[in-house]
N, C-alpha and C. Protein backbone atom coordinates (compact mmCIF):
# COMPACT_ATOMS: atom_id res chain seq x y z
N MET A 1 -48.26 64.40 -26.86
CA MET A 1 -49.18 63.33 -27.36
C MET A 1 -50.05 62.69 -26.15
N ASP A 2 -51.05 62.60 -26.91
CA ASP A 2 -52.09 62.05 -25.77
C ASP A 2 -52.20 60.23 -25.91
N ILE A 3 -52.59 59.80 -25.42
CA ILE A 3 -52.69 57.85 -25.21
C ILE A 3 -52.51 57.22 -26.32
N ASN A 4 -53.79 57.84 -27.09
CA ASN A 4 -54.84 57.15 -28.38
C ASN A 4 -53.45 56.91 -29.81
N GLU A 5 -52.52 58.62 -29.14
CA GLU A 5 -51.49 59.15 -30.40
C GLU A 5 -50.48 57.72 -30.33
N TYR A 6 -50.10 58.00 -28.89
CA TYR A 6 -49.08 57.13 -28.30
C TYR A 6 -49.33 55.33 -29.10
N ILE A 7 -50.54 54.91 -28.87
CA ILE A 7 -50.72 53.90 -29.40
C ILE A 7 -51.16 53.51 -30.58
N LYS A 8 -51.47 54.21 -31.48
CA LYS A 8 -51.73 54.05 -33.01
C LYS A 8 -50.08 53.83 -33.43
N ARG A 9 -49.12 55.03 -32.97
CA ARG A 9 -47.83 55.40 -33.49
C ARG A 9 -47.12 53.51 -32.87
N LYS A 10 -47.51 53.04 -32.21
CA LYS A 10 -46.91 51.90 -31.24
C LYS A 10 -47.22 50.67 -32.29
N ASN A 11 -48.44 50.70 -32.84
CA ASN A 11 -49.29 50.03 -33.26
C ASN A 11 -48.29 50.29 -35.07
N GLN A 12 -48.70 51.25 -35.43
CA GLN A 12 -47.84 51.28 -36.78
C GLN A 12 -46.74 50.61 -36.83
N ALA A 13 -45.45 51.23 -35.63
CA ALA A 13 -44.08 51.19 -35.68
C ALA A 13 -44.30 48.92 -35.71
N LYS A 14 -45.18 48.67 -34.62
CA LYS A 14 -45.23 47.16 -34.54
C LYS A 14 -45.35 46.35 -36.24
N ASN A 15 -46.58 46.98 -36.97
CA ASN A 15 -46.81 46.51 -38.26
C ASN A 15 -45.60 46.65 -39.08
N ASN A 16 -44.71 47.69 -39.00
CA ASN A 16 -43.86 47.96 -40.04
C ASN A 16 -42.83 47.38 -39.76
N SER A 17 -42.22 46.67 -38.58
CA SER A 17 -41.62 45.78 -38.24
C SER A 17 -41.70 44.66 -38.35
N SER A 18 -42.71 43.57 -39.21
CA SER A 18 -43.37 43.13 -39.23
C SER A 18 -43.09 42.37 -40.70
N LEU A 19 -42.34 40.86 -40.77
CA LEU A 19 -41.76 40.72 -42.53
C LEU A 19 -43.43 40.24 -43.42
N THR A 20 -42.97 40.27 -44.33
CA THR A 20 -44.02 39.97 -45.17
C THR A 20 -43.79 38.52 -45.65
N PRO A 21 -44.52 37.44 -45.41
CA PRO A 21 -44.11 36.18 -46.66
C PRO A 21 -42.92 35.73 -46.89
N GLU A 22 -42.82 36.67 -48.28
CA GLU A 22 -41.55 36.64 -49.08
C GLU A 22 -40.22 36.92 -48.38
N GLU A 23 -40.68 38.24 -47.80
CA GLU A 23 -39.57 38.12 -46.96
C GLU A 23 -38.61 37.38 -46.12
N ALA A 24 -39.88 37.20 -45.10
CA ALA A 24 -39.13 35.80 -44.47
C ALA A 24 -38.80 34.69 -45.03
N ILE A 25 -39.32 33.88 -46.40
CA ILE A 25 -38.51 33.30 -46.57
C ILE A 25 -37.34 33.67 -47.39
N ALA A 26 -37.20 34.83 -47.57
CA ALA A 26 -35.80 34.99 -48.42
C ALA A 26 -34.91 34.96 -47.14
N LYS A 27 -35.39 36.06 -46.40
CA LYS A 27 -34.13 36.04 -45.18
C LYS A 27 -33.86 34.36 -44.34
N TYR A 28 -34.93 33.14 -44.17
CA TYR A 28 -34.91 32.34 -43.24
C TYR A 28 -34.24 31.52 -44.40
N SER A 29 -34.39 31.59 -45.77
CA SER A 29 -34.24 29.83 -46.54
C SER A 29 -32.52 30.13 -46.71
N LYS A 30 -31.56 31.39 -46.13
CA LYS A 30 -30.73 31.62 -46.56
C LYS A 30 -29.56 30.71 -45.03
N MET A 31 -30.41 30.20 -43.90
CA MET A 31 -29.66 30.33 -42.91
C MET A 31 -29.47 28.80 -42.87
N ASP A 32 -28.80 28.33 -42.31
CA ASP A 32 -28.76 26.87 -41.64
C ASP A 32 -29.46 26.71 -40.42
N GLU A 33 -29.32 24.94 -40.13
CA GLU A 33 -30.38 24.66 -38.77
C GLU A 33 -29.61 25.66 -37.54
N ALA A 34 -28.55 25.86 -37.25
CA ALA A 34 -27.99 26.11 -36.32
C ALA A 34 -28.58 27.89 -36.53
N GLU A 35 -28.55 28.59 -37.40
CA GLU A 35 -28.56 30.01 -37.34
C GLU A 35 -30.72 30.00 -37.36
N LEU A 36 -31.38 29.05 -38.09
CA LEU A 36 -32.52 28.91 -37.57
C LEU A 36 -33.05 28.53 -36.35
N MET A 37 -31.89 27.97 -35.38
CA MET A 37 -32.63 27.91 -34.23
C MET A 37 -32.48 28.65 -33.20
N GLN A 38 -30.78 29.25 -33.18
CA GLN A 38 -30.71 31.03 -32.76
C GLN A 38 -32.04 32.00 -32.91
N GLU A 39 -32.25 31.97 -34.28
CA GLU A 39 -33.20 32.80 -34.27
C GLU A 39 -34.25 32.58 -33.34
N LEU A 40 -35.22 31.24 -33.39
CA LEU A 40 -36.28 30.71 -32.76
C LEU A 40 -36.49 31.08 -31.55
N PHE A 41 -35.11 30.49 -31.16
CA PHE A 41 -34.77 30.90 -29.19
C PHE A 41 -34.98 32.21 -29.19
N LYS A 42 -34.22 33.30 -30.13
CA LYS A 42 -34.10 34.50 -29.78
C LYS A 42 -35.54 35.45 -30.04
N THR A 43 -36.46 35.45 -31.10
CA THR A 43 -37.82 35.58 -31.01
C THR A 43 -38.60 35.12 -30.17
N ALA A 44 -38.62 33.81 -29.26
CA ALA A 44 -39.43 33.14 -28.87
C ALA A 44 -38.63 34.64 -27.34
N GLU A 45 -37.91 34.10 -26.97
CA GLU A 45 -37.21 35.05 -25.64
C GLU A 45 -38.34 36.63 -25.98
N GLN A 46 -38.21 37.36 -26.84
CA GLN A 46 -38.60 38.40 -27.16
C GLN A 46 -39.92 38.47 -26.85
N GLY A 47 -40.98 37.01 -27.62
CA GLY A 47 -42.07 36.98 -27.31
C GLY A 47 -42.66 37.12 -25.87
N ARG A 48 -42.12 35.93 -25.52
CA ARG A 48 -42.21 36.11 -23.82
C ARG A 48 -41.89 37.22 -23.12
N ALA A 49 -40.98 37.92 -23.10
CA ALA A 49 -40.20 39.17 -22.58
C ALA A 49 -41.91 40.29 -23.43
N ASN A 50 -42.48 40.31 -23.93
CA ASN A 50 -43.36 41.28 -24.13
C ASN A 50 -45.00 40.81 -24.21
N GLY A 51 -44.84 39.57 -23.81
CA GLY A 51 -46.29 38.88 -23.20
C GLY A 51 -46.88 38.09 -24.42
N GLU A 52 -46.34 38.65 -26.00
CA GLU A 52 -47.08 37.63 -27.28
C GLU A 52 -47.15 36.21 -27.50
N LEU A 53 -46.08 35.73 -26.09
CA LEU A 53 -45.58 33.96 -26.19
C LEU A 53 -46.08 33.80 -24.84
N ASP A 54 -47.19 32.57 -24.82
CA ASP A 54 -46.84 31.45 -23.46
C ASP A 54 -46.84 30.31 -23.91
N ASN A 55 -47.06 29.24 -23.15
CA ASN A 55 -47.15 27.87 -23.53
C ASN A 55 -48.45 27.19 -24.20
N GLY A 56 -49.27 28.21 -23.73
CA GLY A 56 -50.91 27.96 -25.11
C GLY A 56 -50.77 28.15 -26.17
N VAL A 57 -50.04 29.44 -26.59
CA VAL A 57 -49.40 29.32 -27.78
C VAL A 57 -49.21 28.99 -28.51
N LEU A 58 -47.77 28.58 -28.01
CA LEU A 58 -46.96 27.42 -28.93
C LEU A 58 -47.54 25.86 -28.87
N ASP A 59 -48.67 25.58 -27.77
CA ASP A 59 -49.51 23.93 -28.08
C ASP A 59 -49.92 24.37 -29.10
N GLY A 60 -50.90 25.56 -29.22
CA GLY A 60 -52.04 25.63 -30.24
C GLY A 60 -51.14 25.48 -31.84
N PHE A 61 -49.53 26.12 -31.64
CA PHE A 61 -49.18 26.10 -32.88
C PHE A 61 -48.88 24.41 -33.22
N LEU A 62 -48.59 23.86 -32.21
CA LEU A 62 -48.14 22.19 -32.25
C LEU A 62 -49.47 21.86 -32.88
N THR A 63 -50.43 21.95 -32.84
CA THR A 63 -51.83 21.63 -32.50
C THR A 63 -52.13 21.73 -34.06
N LYS A 64 -51.75 23.00 -35.12
CA LYS A 64 -51.72 23.35 -36.07
C LYS A 64 -51.41 23.15 -36.91
N MET A 65 -50.16 22.85 -36.46
CA MET A 65 -48.86 22.54 -37.69
C MET A 65 -48.94 20.95 -37.59
N ARG A 66 -49.73 19.84 -36.81
CA ARG A 66 -48.98 18.72 -36.83
C ARG A 66 -49.87 17.84 -38.18
N PRO A 67 -51.00 18.28 -38.32
CA PRO A 67 -51.78 17.94 -39.78
C PRO A 67 -50.64 17.90 -40.93
N MET A 68 -49.82 18.71 -41.09
CA MET A 68 -48.90 18.96 -42.23
C MET A 68 -47.62 18.73 -42.36
N LEU A 69 -47.21 17.98 -41.01
CA LEU A 69 -45.76 17.18 -41.01
C LEU A 69 -45.50 16.06 -40.87
N SER A 70 -44.84 15.26 -41.29
CA SER A 70 -44.78 13.74 -41.24
C SER A 70 -44.39 13.50 -40.07
N PRO A 71 -44.90 12.53 -39.33
CA PRO A 71 -44.85 11.99 -37.94
C PRO A 71 -43.12 12.24 -37.29
N GLU A 72 -42.11 11.93 -38.35
CA GLU A 72 -40.69 12.79 -37.65
C GLU A 72 -40.44 14.04 -37.83
N GLN A 73 -41.29 15.19 -38.77
CA GLN A 73 -40.95 16.30 -38.44
C GLN A 73 -42.19 16.45 -37.09
N ALA A 74 -43.34 16.08 -37.04
CA ALA A 74 -43.94 16.09 -35.80
C ALA A 74 -43.48 15.74 -34.42
N GLU A 75 -42.52 15.49 -34.32
CA GLU A 75 -41.57 14.77 -32.77
C GLU A 75 -41.12 15.47 -33.08
N ARG A 76 -39.81 16.27 -34.12
CA ARG A 76 -38.77 17.58 -33.90
C ARG A 76 -39.90 18.48 -33.16
N MET A 77 -40.65 18.73 -34.21
CA MET A 77 -40.99 20.13 -33.51
C MET A 77 -41.79 20.23 -32.05
N LYS A 78 -42.38 18.89 -31.31
CA LYS A 78 -42.41 18.44 -29.94
C LYS A 78 -41.71 18.87 -29.36
N GLU A 79 -40.06 18.22 -29.77
CA GLU A 79 -39.22 18.68 -28.73
C GLU A 79 -39.05 20.08 -29.09
N LEU A 80 -38.49 20.86 -30.37
CA LEU A 80 -38.28 21.91 -29.71
C LEU A 80 -39.30 23.29 -29.07
N ILE A 81 -41.14 22.72 -29.19
CA ILE A 81 -41.80 23.37 -28.20
C ILE A 81 -41.45 23.03 -26.67
N ASN A 82 -41.32 21.84 -26.53
CA ASN A 82 -40.34 21.26 -24.83
C ASN A 82 -39.75 22.26 -24.51
N GLN A 83 -38.53 22.55 -25.45
CA GLN A 83 -37.51 23.59 -25.48
C GLN A 83 -37.47 24.99 -24.78
N LEU A 84 -38.53 25.19 -25.58
CA LEU A 84 -39.41 26.93 -25.82
C LEU A 84 -39.90 26.68 -24.57
N LYS A 85 -40.73 25.93 -24.16
CA LYS A 85 -41.24 25.84 -23.10
C LYS A 85 -40.60 26.06 -21.38
N ARG A 86 -39.41 25.88 -21.68
CA ARG A 86 -38.46 25.84 -20.44
C ARG A 86 -37.78 27.51 -20.19
């Protein structure tokens, strides 16, 4: 197998592993807060390990989400992002 075929297969596998919005809602709506936090930190660790997540991405996410959140939710999100940055 040549490098182009390897990249193509790798990208297909990555795309197939992503959840649709409906699947994500079904999966995460059944979790309590502790389970959600555990999943968040596990996913963040994986993202950092594979180079997809860094502090800039986290800051950008907060900036985009802040207008949709109440002041209390925005503060909680900021706290979580600060924990993820450690």
